[in-house]
PDB file of all heavy atoms in Angstrom:
ATOM      1  N   VAL A   1       0.912  -1.208  -0.004  1.00  0.00           N
ATOM      2  CA  VAL A   1      -0.021  -0.053  -0.003  1.00  0.00           C
ATOM      3  C   VAL A   1       0.918   1.222  -0.015  1.00  0.00           C
ATOM      4  O   VAL A   1       1.610   1.467   1.050  1.00  0.00           O
ATOM      5  CB  VAL A   1      -0.893  -0.025   1.243  1.00  0.00           C
ATOM      6  CG1 VAL A   1      -1.776   1.308   1.217  1.00  0.00           C
ATOM      7  CG2 VAL A   1      -1.849  -1.249   1.229  1.00  0.00           C
ATOM      8  N   ARG A   2       0.997   1.862  -1.123  1.00  0.00           N
ATOM      9  CA  ARG A   2       1.792   3.054  -1.240  1.00  0.00           C
ATOM     10  C   ARG A   2       0.960   4.365  -0.921  1.00  0.00           C
ATOM     11  O   ARG A   2      -0.201   4.394  -1.265  1.00  0.00           O
ATOM     12  CB  ARG A   2       2.426   3.181  -2.665  1.00  0.00           C
ATOM     13  CG  ARG A   2       3.311   2.074  -2.995  1.00  0.00           C
ATOM     14  CD  ARG A   2       3.866   2.238  -4.397  1.00  0.00           C
ATOM     15  NE  ARG A   2       4.727   1.150  -4.774  1.00  0.00           N
ATOM     16  CZ  ARG A   2       5.336   1.052  -5.947  1.00  0.00           C
ATOM     17  NH1 ARG A   2       5.082   1.948  -6.917  1.00  0.00           N
ATOM     18  NH2 ARG A   2       6.068   0.023  -6.194  1.00  0.00           N
ATOM     19  N   PRO A   3       1.562   5.274  -0.302  1.00  0.00           N
ATOM     20  CA  PRO A   3       0.803   6.538   0.029  1.00  0.00           C
ATOM     21  C   PRO A   3       0.491   7.246  -1.320  1.00  0.00           C
ATOM     22  O   PRO A   3       1.268   7.233  -2.279  1.00  0.00           O
ATOM     23  CB  PRO A   3       1.797   7.390   0.867  1.00  0.00           C
ATOM     24  CG  PRO A   3       3.191   6.844   0.505  1.00  0.00           C
ATOM     25  CD  PRO A   3       2.902   5.368   0.226  1.00  0.00           C
ATOM     26  N   PRO A   4      -0.725   7.938  -1.361  1.00  0.00           N
ATOM     27  CA  PRO A   4      -1.094   8.580  -2.615  1.00  0.00           C
ATOM     28  C   PRO A   4      -0.172   9.784  -2.873  1.00  0.00           C
ATOM     29  O   PRO A   4       0.398  10.397  -1.998  1.00  0.00           O
ATOM     30  CB  PRO A   4      -2.543   9.107  -2.323  1.00  0.00           C
ATOM     31  CG  PRO A   4      -2.584   9.140  -0.792  1.00  0.00           C
ATOM     32  CD  PRO A   4      -1.670   8.087  -0.291  1.00  0.00           C
ATOM     33  N   SER A   5       0.037  10.077  -4.140  1.00  0.00           N
ATOM     34  CA  SER A   5       0.910  11.177  -4.564  1.00  0.00           C
ATOM     35  C   SER A   5       0.109  12.512  -4.603  1.00  0.00           C
ATOM     36  O   SER A   5      -0.907  12.545  -5.341  1.00  0.00           O
ATOM     37  CB  SER A   5       1.518  10.880  -5.891  1.00  0.00           C
ATOM     38  OG  SER A   5       2.296  12.023  -6.355  1.00  0.00           O
ATOM     39  N   TYR A   6       0.543  13.458  -3.814  1.00  0.00           N
ATOM     40  CA  TYR A   6      -0.176  14.746  -3.852  1.00  0.00           C
ATOM     41  C   TYR A   6       0.657  15.829  -4.588  1.00  0.00           C
ATOM     42  O   TYR A   6       0.295  16.993  -4.587  1.00  0.00           O
ATOM     43  CB  TYR A   6      -0.439  15.185  -2.416  1.00  0.00           C
ATOM     44  CG  TYR A   6      -1.324  14.259  -1.644  1.00  0.00           C
ATOM     45  CD1 TYR A   6      -0.816  13.521  -0.654  1.00  0.00           C
ATOM     46  CD2 TYR A   6      -2.642  14.187  -1.995  1.00  0.00           C
ATOM     47  CE1 TYR A   6      -1.623  12.696   0.030  1.00  0.00           C
ATOM     48  CE2 TYR A   6      -3.478  13.326  -1.283  1.00  0.00           C
ATOM     49  CZ  TYR A   6      -2.933  12.558  -0.252  1.00  0.00           C
ATOM     50  OH  TYR A   6      -3.779  11.659   0.447  1.00  0.00           O
ATOM     51  N   GLU A   7       1.802  15.423  -5.179  1.00  0.00           N
ATOM     52  CA  GLU A   7       2.643  16.383  -5.847  1.00  0.00           C
ATOM     53  C   GLU A   7       1.872  17.054  -6.993  1.00  0.00           C
ATOM     54  O   GLU A   7       1.326  16.325  -7.862  1.00  0.00           O
ATOM     55  CB  GLU A   7       3.924  15.642  -6.327  1.00  0.00           C
ATOM     56  CG  GLU A   7       4.848  15.186  -5.220  1.00  0.00           C
ATOM     57  CD  GLU A   7       6.122  14.569  -5.819  1.00  0.00           C
ATOM     58  OE1 GLU A   7       6.267  14.631  -6.990  1.00  0.00           O
ATOM     59  OE2 GLU A   7       6.893  13.984  -5.009  1.00  0.00           O
ATOM     60  N   GLY A   8       1.999  18.296  -7.072  1.00  0.00           N
ATOM     61  CA  GLY A   8       1.370  19.068  -8.161  1.00  0.00           C
ATOM     62  C   GLY A   8      -0.140  19.376  -7.950  1.00  0.00           C
ATOM     63  O   GLY A   8      -0.693  20.167  -8.674  1.00  0.00           O
ATOM     64  N   THR A   9      -0.669  18.778  -6.921  1.00  0.00           N
ATOM     65  CA  THR A   9      -2.134  19.000  -6.614  1.00  0.00           C
ATOM     66  C   THR A   9      -2.406  20.455  -6.377  1.00  0.00           C
ATOM     67  O   THR A   9      -3.267  21.081  -7.004  1.00  0.00           O
ATOM     68  CB  THR A   9      -2.651  18.172  -5.487  1.00  0.00           C
ATOM     69  OG1 THR A   9      -2.326  16.778  -5.817  1.00  0.00           O
ATOM     70  CG2 THR A   9      -4.145  18.315  -5.329  1.00  0.00           C
ATOM     71  N   VAL A  10      -1.622  20.997  -5.384  1.00  0.00           N
ATOM     72  CA  VAL A  10      -1.829  22.432  -5.079  1.00  0.00           C
ATOM     73  C   VAL A  10      -1.477  23.305  -6.229  1.00  0.00           C
ATOM     74  O   VAL A  10      -2.120  24.395  -6.496  1.00  0.00           O
ATOM     75  CB  VAL A  10      -0.971  22.753  -3.837  1.00  0.00           C
ATOM     76  CG1 VAL A  10      -1.110  24.202  -3.460  1.00  0.00           C
ATOM     77  CG2 VAL A  10      -1.406  21.906  -2.594  1.00  0.00           C
ATOM     78  N   VAL A  11      -0.341  22.986  -6.907  1.00  0.00           N
ATOM     79  CA  VAL A  11       0.070  23.828  -8.091  1.00  0.00           C
ATOM     80  C   VAL A  11      -1.033  23.839  -9.101  1.00  0.00           C
ATOM     81  O   VAL A  11      -1.370  24.961  -9.717  1.00  0.00           O
ATOM     82  CB  VAL A  11       1.361  23.346  -8.658  1.00  0.00           C
ATOM     83  CG1 VAL A  11       1.736  24.117  -9.894  1.00  0.00           C
ATOM     84  CG2 VAL A  11       2.470  23.437  -7.598  1.00  0.00           C
ATOM     85  N   ARG A  12      -1.567  22.680  -9.473  1.00  0.00           N
ATOM     86  CA  ARG A  12      -2.636  22.610 -10.513  1.00  0.00           C
ATOM     87  C   ARG A  12      -3.846  23.340 -10.002  1.00  0.00           C
ATOM     88  O   ARG A  12      -4.480  24.097 -10.853  1.00  0.00           O
ATOM     89  CB  ARG A  12      -2.933  21.204 -10.805  1.00  0.00           C
ATOM     90  CG  ARG A  12      -1.879  20.419 -11.570  1.00  0.00           C
ATOM     91  CD  ARG A  12      -2.422  19.076 -12.155  1.00  0.00           C
ATOM     92  NE  ARG A  12      -2.880  18.185 -11.049  1.00  0.00           N
ATOM     93  CZ  ARG A  12      -2.057  17.341 -10.373  1.00  0.00           C
ATOM     94  NH1 ARG A  12      -0.769  17.333 -10.764  1.00  0.00           N
ATOM     95  NH2 ARG A  12      -2.525  16.570  -9.471  1.00  0.00           N
ATOM     96  N   ALA A  13      -4.185  23.218  -8.763  1.00  0.00           N
ATOM     97  CA  ALA A  13      -5.405  23.890  -8.251  1.00  0.00           C
ATOM     98  C   ALA A  13      -5.198  25.429  -8.275  1.00  0.00           C
ATOM     99  O   ALA A  13      -6.071  26.204  -8.616  1.00  0.00           O
ATOM    100  CB  ALA A  13      -5.683  23.392  -6.780  1.00  0.00           C
ATOM    101  N   ALA A  14      -3.922  25.856  -7.888  1.00  0.00           N
ATOM    102  CA  ALA A  14      -3.646  27.259  -7.898  1.00  0.00           C
ATOM    103  C   ALA A  14      -3.711  27.842  -9.310  1.00  0.00           C
ATOM    104  O   ALA A  14      -4.192  28.953  -9.548  1.00  0.00           O
ATOM    105  CB  ALA A  14      -2.277  27.529  -7.279  1.00  0.00           C
ATOM    106  N   ALA A  15      -3.104  27.067 -10.318  1.00  0.00           N
ATOM    107  CA  ALA A  15      -3.130  27.491 -11.652  1.00  0.00           C
ATOM    108  C   ALA A  15      -4.597  27.591 -12.186  1.00  0.00           C
ATOM    109  O   ALA A  15      -4.945  28.603 -12.875  1.00  0.00           O
ATOM    110  CB  ALA A  15      -2.335  26.572 -12.564  1.00  0.00           C
ATOM    111  N   GLN A  16      -5.401  26.636 -11.906  1.00  0.00           N
ATOM    112  CA  GLN A  16      -6.790  26.634 -12.279  1.00  0.00           C
ATOM    113  C   GLN A  16      -7.539  27.802 -11.651  1.00  0.00           C
ATOM    114  O   GLN A  16      -8.294  28.528 -12.325  1.00  0.00           O
ATOM    115  CB  GLN A  16      -7.453  25.333 -11.937  1.00  0.00           C
ATOM    116  CG  GLN A  16      -8.885  25.289 -12.452  1.00  0.00           C
ATOM    117  CD  GLN A  16      -9.516  23.908 -12.125  1.00  0.00           C
ATOM    118  OE1 GLN A  16      -8.861  22.989 -11.552  1.00  0.00           O
ATOM    119  NE2 GLN A  16     -10.812  23.721 -12.434  1.00  0.00           N
ATOM    120  N   LEU A  17      -7.225  28.052 -10.328  1.00  0.00           N
ATOM    121  CA  LEU A  17      -7.895  29.135  -9.663  1.00  0.00           C
ATOM    122  C   LEU A  17      -7.465  30.501 -10.296  1.00  0.00           C
ATOM    123  O   LEU A  17      -8.268  31.432 -10.448  1.00  0.00           O
ATOM    124  CB  LEU A  17      -7.509  29.153  -8.186  1.00  0.00           C
ATOM    125  CG  LEU A  17      -8.003  30.281  -7.291  1.00  0.00           C
ATOM    126  CD1 LEU A  17      -9.558  30.270  -7.334  1.00  0.00           C
ATOM    127  CD2 LEU A  17      -7.523  30.110  -5.928  1.00  0.00           C
ATOM    128  N   GLU A  18      -6.124  30.619 -10.571  1.00  0.00           N
ATOM    129  CA  GLU A  18      -5.579  31.837 -11.216  1.00  0.00           C
ATOM    130  C   GLU A  18      -6.330  32.140 -12.558  1.00  0.00           C
ATOM    131  O   GLU A  18      -6.719  33.242 -12.755  1.00  0.00           O
ATOM    132  CB  GLU A  18      -4.126  31.748 -11.461  1.00  0.00           C
ATOM    133  CG  GLU A  18      -3.513  32.958 -12.016  1.00  0.00           C
ATOM    134  CD  GLU A  18      -2.060  32.778 -12.307  1.00  0.00           C
ATOM    135  OE1 GLU A  18      -1.494  31.674 -12.045  1.00  0.00           O
ATOM    136  OE2 GLU A  18      -1.431  33.823 -12.724  1.00  0.00           O
ATOM    137  N   GLU A  19      -6.559  31.112 -13.326  1.00  0.00           N
ATOM    138  CA  GLU A  19      -7.232  31.267 -14.613  1.00  0.00           C
ATOM    139  C   GLU A  19      -8.701  31.661 -14.408  1.00  0.00           C
ATOM    140  O   GLU A  19      -9.209  32.557 -15.037  1.00  0.00           O
ATOM    141  CB  GLU A  19      -7.112  29.965 -15.411  1.00  0.00           C
ATOM    142  CG  GLU A  19      -7.830  30.034 -16.768  1.00  0.00           C
ATOM    143  CD  GLU A  19      -7.300  31.094 -17.705  1.00  0.00           C
ATOM    144  OE1 GLU A  19      -6.101  31.458 -17.509  1.00  0.00           O
ATOM    145  OE2 GLU A  19      -7.926  31.441 -18.740  1.00  0.00           O
ATOM    146  N   THR A  20      -9.299  31.016 -13.414  1.00  0.00           N
ATOM    147  CA  THR A  20     -10.729  31.373 -13.131  1.00  0.00           C
ATOM    148  C   THR A  20     -10.797  32.784 -12.634  1.00  0.00           C
ATOM    149  O   THR A  20     -11.758  33.528 -13.024  1.00  0.00           O
ATOM    150  CB  THR A  20     -11.239  30.413 -12.006  1.00  0.00           C
ATOM    151  OG1 THR A  20     -11.099  29.028 -12.478  1.00  0.00           O
ATOM    152  CG2 THR A  20     -12.659  30.702 -11.691  1.00  0.00           C
ATOM    153  N   LEU A  21      -9.875  33.186 -11.703  1.00  0.00           N
ATOM    154  CA  LEU A  21      -9.935  34.576 -11.219  1.00  0.00           C
ATOM    155  C   LEU A  21      -9.664  35.596 -12.261  1.00  0.00           C
ATOM    156  O   LEU A  21     -10.233  36.662 -12.362  1.00  0.00           O
ATOM    157  CB  LEU A  21      -8.916  34.715 -10.067  1.00  0.00           C
ATOM    158  CG  LEU A  21      -9.136  33.933  -8.760  1.00  0.00           C
ATOM    159  CD1 LEU A  21      -8.097  34.184  -7.830  1.00  0.00           C
ATOM    160  CD2 LEU A  21     -10.487  34.290  -8.194  1.00  0.00           C
ATOM    161  N   ARG A  22      -8.755  35.218 -13.179  1.00  0.00           N
ATOM    162  CA  ARG A  22      -8.456  36.162 -14.321  1.00  0.00           C
ATOM    163  C   ARG A  22      -9.661  36.350 -15.135  1.00  0.00           C
ATOM    164  O   ARG A  22     -10.017  37.562 -15.529  1.00  0.00           O
ATOM    165  CB  ARG A  22      -7.311  35.536 -15.174  1.00  0.00           C
ATOM    166  CG  ARG A  22      -6.831  36.553 -16.262  1.00  0.00           C
ATOM    167  CD  ARG A  22      -5.822  35.844 -17.117  1.00  0.00           C
ATOM    168  NE  ARG A  22      -6.420  34.771 -17.885  1.00  0.00           N
ATOM    169  CZ  ARG A  22      -7.127  34.939 -18.947  1.00  0.00           C
ATOM    170  NH1 ARG A  22      -7.331  36.211 -19.437  1.00  0.00           N
ATOM    171  NH2 ARG A  22      -7.654  33.908 -19.602  1.00  0.00           N
ATOM    172  N   LYS A  23     -10.349  35.270 -15.512  1.00  0.00           N
ATOM    173  CA  LYS A  23     -11.563  35.432 -16.267  1.00  0.00           C
ATOM    174  C   LYS A  23     -12.666  36.183 -15.537  1.00  0.00           C
ATOM    175  O   LYS A  23     -13.318  37.044 -16.126  1.00  0.00           O
ATOM    176  CB  LYS A  23     -12.113  34.025 -16.750  1.00  0.00           C
ATOM    177  CG  LYS A  23     -11.227  33.315 -17.709  1.00  0.00           C
ATOM    178  CD  LYS A  23     -11.804  31.995 -18.023  1.00  0.00           C
ATOM    179  CE  LYS A  23     -10.929  31.227 -19.084  1.00  0.00           C
ATOM    180  NZ  LYS A  23     -11.428  29.903 -19.390  1.00  0.00           N
ATOM    181  N   LEU A  24     -12.831  35.864 -14.281  1.00  0.00           N
ATOM    182  CA  LEU A  24     -13.812  36.558 -13.468  1.00  0.00           C
ATOM    183  C   LEU A  24     -13.452  38.017 -13.223  1.00  0.00           C
ATOM    184  O   LEU A  24     -14.356  38.883 -13.427  1.00  0.00           O
ATOM    185  CB  LEU A  24     -13.890  35.837 -12.067  1.00  0.00           C
ATOM    186  CG  LEU A  24     -14.878  36.476 -11.075  1.00  0.00           C
ATOM    187  CD1 LEU A  24     -16.329  36.402 -11.620  1.00  0.00           C
ATOM    188  CD2 LEU A  24     -14.821  35.759  -9.769  1.00  0.00           C
ATOM    189  N   MET A  25     -12.241  38.301 -13.050  1.00  0.00           N
ATOM    190  CA  MET A  25     -11.829  39.710 -12.847  1.00  0.00           C
ATOM    191  C   MET A  25     -12.037  40.496 -14.165  1.00  0.00           C
ATOM    192  O   MET A  25     -12.502  41.627 -14.116  1.00  0.00           O
ATOM    193  CB  MET A  25     -10.276  39.754 -12.528  1.00  0.00           C
ATOM    194  CG  MET A  25      -9.810  41.061 -12.092  1.00  0.00           C
ATOM    195  SD  MET A  25     -10.422  41.469 -10.411  1.00  0.00           S
ATOM    196  CE  MET A  25      -9.589  43.003 -10.167  1.00  0.00           C
ATOM    197  N   LYS A  26     -11.688  39.875 -15.243  1.00  0.00           N
ATOM    198  CA  LYS A  26     -11.916  40.586 -16.540  1.00  0.00           C
ATOM    199  C   LYS A  26     -13.400  40.751 -16.812  1.00  0.00           C
ATOM    200  O   LYS A  26     -13.756  41.883 -17.276  1.00  0.00           O
ATOM    201  CB  LYS A  26     -11.319  39.668 -17.678  1.00  0.00           C
ATOM    202  CG  LYS A  26     -11.403  40.309 -19.039  1.00  0.00           C
ATOM    203  CD  LYS A  26     -10.774  39.373 -20.076  1.00  0.00           C
ATOM    204  CE  LYS A  26     -10.832  39.969 -21.501  1.00  0.00           C
ATOM    205  NZ  LYS A  26     -10.226  39.101 -22.517  1.00  0.00           N
ATOM    206  N   LYS A  27     -14.222  39.880 -16.479  1.00  0.00           N
ATOM    207  CA  LYS A  27     -15.622  40.016 -16.705  1.00  0.00           C
ATOM    208  C   LYS A  27     -16.216  41.064 -15.841  1.00  0.00           C
ATOM    209  O   LYS A  27     -16.977  41.897 -16.247  1.00  0.00           O
ATOM    210  CB  LYS A  27     -16.330  38.663 -16.422  1.00  0.00           C
ATOM    211  CG  LYS A  27     -17.864  38.691 -16.643  1.00  0.00           C
ATOM    212  CD  LYS A  27     -18.421  37.271 -16.401  1.00  0.00           C
ATOM    213  CE  LYS A  27     -19.915  37.227 -16.689  1.00  0.00           C
ATOM    214  NZ  LYS A  27     -20.702  38.105 -15.809  1.00  0.00           N
ATOM    215  N   LYS A  28     -15.777  41.102 -14.522  1.00  0.00           N
ATOM    216  CA  LYS A  28     -16.273  42.107 -13.621  1.00  0.00           C
ATOM    217  C   LYS A  28     -15.836  43.485 -13.957  1.00  0.00           C
ATOM    218  O   LYS A  28     -16.574  44.452 -13.872  1.00  0.00           O
ATOM    219  CB  LYS A  28     -15.896  41.732 -12.178  1.00  0.00           C
ATOM    220  CG  LYS A  28     -16.514  40.527 -11.553  1.00  0.00           C
ATOM    221  CD  LYS A  28     -18.039  40.665 -11.407  1.00  0.00           C
ATOM    222  CE  LYS A  28     -18.701  39.499 -10.774  1.00  0.00           C
ATOM    223  NZ  LYS A  28     -20.151  39.703 -10.644  1.00  0.00           N
ATOM    224  N   LEU A  29     -14.570  43.571 -14.394  1.00  0.00           N
ATOM    225  CA  LEU A  29     -14.031  44.906 -14.770  1.00  0.00           C
ATOM    226  C   LEU A  29     -14.723  45.420 -16.019  1.00  0.00           C
ATOM    227  O   LEU A  29     -15.080  46.594 -16.139  1.00  0.00           O
ATOM    228  CB  LEU A  29     -12.501  44.742 -15.086  1.00  0.00           C
ATOM    229  CG  LEU A  29     -11.649  44.582 -13.849  1.00  0.00           C
ATOM    230  CD1 LEU A  29     -10.154  44.399 -14.288  1.00  0.00           C
ATOM    231  CD2 LEU A  29     -11.754  45.853 -12.898  1.00  0.00           C
ATOM    232  N   PHE A  30     -15.052  44.565 -16.986  1.00  0.00           N
ATOM    233  CA  PHE A  30     -15.749  44.957 -18.200  1.00  0.00           C
ATOM    234  C   PHE A  30     -17.222  45.361 -17.815  1.00  0.00           C
ATOM    235  O   PHE A  30     -17.784  46.276 -18.412  1.00  0.00           O
ATOM    236  CB  PHE A  30     -15.779  43.841 -19.228  1.00  0.00           C
ATOM    237  CG  PHE A  30     -14.540  43.800 -20.104  1.00  0.00           C
ATOM    238  CD1 PHE A  30     -13.866  42.646 -20.395  1.00  0.00           C
ATOM    239  CD2 PHE A  30     -14.007  44.996 -20.617  1.00  0.00           C
ATOM    240  CE1 PHE A  30     -12.744  42.643 -21.154  1.00  0.00           C
ATOM    241  CE2 PHE A  30     -12.878  44.966 -21.391  1.00  0.00           C
ATOM    242  CZ  PHE A  30     -12.200  43.788 -21.652  1.00  0.00           C
ATOM    243  N   GLU A  31     -17.751  44.650 -16.918  1.00  0.00           N
ATOM    244  CA  GLU A  31     -19.148  44.967 -16.466  1.00  0.00           C
ATOM    245  C   GLU A  31     -19.142  46.364 -15.837  1.00  0.00           C
ATOM    246  O   GLU A  31     -20.058  47.177 -16.131  1.00  0.00           O
ATOM    247  CB  GLU A  31     -19.646  43.906 -15.440  1.00  0.00           C
ATOM    248  CG  GLU A  31     -20.039  42.612 -16.147  1.00  0.00           C
ATOM    249  CD  GLU A  31     -20.440  41.590 -15.142  1.00  0.00           C
ATOM    250  OE1 GLU A  31     -20.383  41.893 -13.863  1.00  0.00           O
ATOM    251  OE2 GLU A  31     -20.980  40.473 -15.514  1.00  0.00           O
ATOM    252  N   ALA A  32     -18.098  46.612 -15.085  1.00  0.00           N
ATOM    253  CA  ALA A  32     -18.076  47.944 -14.379  1.00  0.00           C
ATOM    254  C   ALA A  32     -17.756  49.010 -15.380  1.00  0.00           C
ATOM    255  O   ALA A  32     -18.339  50.094 -15.326  1.00  0.00           O
ATOM    256  CB  ALA A  32     -16.942  47.932 -13.332  1.00  0.00           C
ATOM    257  N   GLU A  33     -16.909  48.756 -16.407  1.00  0.00           N
ATOM    258  CA  GLU A  33     -16.567  49.757 -17.444  1.00  0.00           C
ATOM    259  C   GLU A  33     -17.762  50.024 -18.276  1.00  0.00           C
ATOM    260  O   GLU A  33     -18.128  51.121 -18.606  1.00  0.00           O
ATOM    261  CB  GLU A  33     -15.427  49.118 -18.244  1.00  0.00           C
ATOM    262  CG  GLU A  33     -15.138  49.965 -19.576  1.00  0.00           C
ATOM    263  CD  GLU A  33     -14.615  51.318 -19.306  1.00  0.00           C
ATOM    264  OE1 GLU A  33     -14.207  51.613 -18.125  1.00  0.00           O
ATOM    265  OE2 GLU A  33     -14.539  52.132 -20.206  1.00  0.00           O
ATOM    266  N   LEU A  34     -18.544  48.944 -18.629  1.00  0.00           N
ATOM    267  CA  LEU A  34     -19.770  49.147 -19.434  1.00  0.00           C
ATOM    268  C   LEU A  34     -20.783  49.935 -18.682  1.00  0.00           C
ATOM    269  O   LEU A  34     -21.423  50.843 -19.214  1.00  0.00           O
ATOM    270  CB  LEU A  34     -20.353  47.745 -19.813  1.00  0.00           C
ATOM    271  CG  LEU A  34     -21.569  47.783 -20.760  1.00  0.00           C
ATOM    272  CD1 LEU A  34     -21.207  48.527 -22.058  1.00  0.00           C
ATOM    273  CD2 LEU A  34     -22.090  46.377 -21.041  1.00  0.00           C
ATOM    274  N   LYS A  35     -20.933  49.699 -17.379  1.00  0.00           N
ATOM    275  CA  LYS A  35     -21.876  50.419 -16.601  1.00  0.00           C
ATOM    276  C   LYS A  35     -21.457  51.921 -16.511  1.00  0.00           C
ATOM    277  O   LYS A  35     -22.274  52.799 -16.497  1.00  0.00           O
ATOM    278  CB  LYS A  35     -21.968  49.830 -15.154  1.00  0.00           C
ATOM    279  CG  LYS A  35     -23.034  50.468 -14.284  1.00  0.00           C
ATOM    280  CD  LYS A  35     -23.014  49.812 -12.879  1.00  0.00           C
ATOM    281  CE  LYS A  35     -23.362  48.381 -12.980  1.00  0.00           C
ATOM    282  NZ  LYS A  35     -23.456  47.793 -11.551  1.00  0.00           N
ATOM    283  N   ARG A  36     -20.160  52.181 -16.457  1.00  0.00           N
ATOM    284  CA  ARG A  36     -19.613  53.543 -16.376  1.00  0.00           C
ATOM    285  C   ARG A  36     -20.040  54.316 -17.676  1.00  0.00           C
ATOM    286  O   ARG A  36     -20.458  55.406 -17.584  1.00  0.00           O
ATOM    287  CB  ARG A  36     -18.170  53.523 -16.178  1.00  0.00           C
ATOM    288  CG  ARG A  36     -17.546  54.941 -16.046  1.00  0.00           C
ATOM    289  CD  ARG A  36     -16.002  54.896 -15.967  1.00  0.00           C
ATOM    290  NE  ARG A  36     -15.482  54.515 -17.266  1.00  0.00           N
ATOM    291  CZ  ARG A  36     -15.240  55.346 -18.345  1.00  0.00           C
ATOM    292  NH1 ARG A  36     -15.541  56.606 -18.134  1.00  0.00           N
ATOM    293  NH2 ARG A  36     -14.666  54.911 -19.426  1.00  0.00           N
ATOM    294  N   VAL A  37     -19.698  53.663 -18.860  1.00  0.00           N
ATOM    295  CA  VAL A  37     -19.993  54.402 -20.041  1.00  0.00           C
ATOM    296  C   VAL A  37     -21.472  54.554 -20.407  1.00  0.00           C
ATOM    297  O   VAL A  37     -21.875  55.471 -21.090  1.00  0.00           O
ATOM    298  CB  VAL A  37     -19.222  53.786 -21.214  1.00  0.00           C
ATOM    299  CG1 VAL A  37     -17.775  53.709 -20.975  1.00  0.00           C
ATOM    300  CG2 VAL A  37     -19.757  52.299 -21.526  1.00  0.00           C
ATOM    301  N   GLN A  38     -22.274  53.637 -19.856  1.00  0.00           N
ATOM    302  CA  GLN A  38     -23.691  53.706 -20.143  1.00  0.00           C
ATOM    303  C   GLN A  38     -24.430  54.837 -19.499  1.00  0.00           C
ATOM    304  O   GLN A  38     -25.506  55.236 -19.924  1.00  0.00           O
ATOM    305  CB  GLN A  38     -24.406  52.404 -19.698  1.00  0.00           C
ATOM    306  CG  GLN A  38     -24.157  51.170 -20.595  1.00  0.00           C
ATOM    307  CD  GLN A  38     -24.754  49.913 -20.073  1.00  0.00           C
ATOM    308  OE1 GLN A  38     -24.891  49.718 -18.863  1.00  0.00           O
ATOM    309  NE2 GLN A  38     -25.088  48.986 -21.000  1.00  0.00           N
ATOM    310  N   GLN A  39     -23.781  55.503 -18.533  1.00  0.00           N
ATOM    311  CA  GLN A  39     -24.308  56.697 -17.947  1.00  0.00           C
ATOM    312  C   GLN A  39     -24.301  57.890 -18.907  1.00  0.00           C
ATOM    313  O   GLN A  39     -24.920  58.885 -18.665  1.00  0.00           O
ATOM    314  CB  GLN A  39     -23.585  57.046 -16.663  1.00  0.00           C
ATOM    315  CG  GLN A  39     -22.077  57.463 -16.845  1.00  0.00           C
ATOM    316  CD  GLN A  39     -21.428  57.851 -15.570  1.00  0.00           C
ATOM    317  OE1 GLN A  39     -21.995  58.436 -14.678  1.00  0.00           O
ATOM    318  NE2 GLN A  39     -20.194  57.494 -15.429  1.00  0.00           N
ATOM    319  N   TYR A  40     -23.538  57.747 -20.018  1.00  0.00           N
ATOM    320  CA  TYR A  40     -23.481  58.793 -21.020  1.00  0.00           C
ATOM    321  C   TYR A  40     -24.344  58.495 -22.212  1.00  0.00           C
ATOM    322  O   TYR A  40     -24.168  59.024 -23.308  1.00  0.00           O
ATOM    323  CB  TYR A  40     -22.023  59.004 -21.522  1.00  0.00           C
ATOM    324  CG  TYR A  40     -21.073  59.371 -20.448  1.00  0.00           C
ATOM    325  CD1 TYR A  40     -20.203  58.396 -19.885  1.00  0.00           C
ATOM    326  CD2 TYR A  40     -21.069  60.636 -19.936  1.00  0.00           C
ATOM    327  CE1 TYR A  40     -19.302  58.803 -18.814  1.00  0.00           C
ATOM    328  CE2 TYR A  40     -20.181  61.065 -18.938  1.00  0.00           C
ATOM    329  CZ  TYR A  40     -19.266  60.042 -18.463  1.00  0.00           C
ATOM    330  OH  TYR A  40     -18.440  60.430 -17.473  1.00  0.00           O
ATOM    331  N   ALA A  41     -25.376  57.600 -22.005  1.00  0.00           N
ATOM    332  CA  ALA A  41     -26.239  57.190 -23.091  1.00  0.00           C
ATOM    333  C   ALA A  41     -26.999  58.369 -23.664  1.00  0.00           C
ATOM    334  O   ALA A  41     -27.541  59.267 -22.914  1.00  0.00           O
ATOM    335  CB  ALA A  41     -27.206  56.103 -22.616  1.00  0.00           C
TER     336      ALA A  41
END
């Protein structure tokens, strides 16, 4: 019975989280930007 390998688990999770945050941040920033310019409609 060998112990399970956890190597790379945190790194992969962090990379996935970083990508998710990047997309979410970009989406939220664009939403805020769009809301800002819409006040000049």
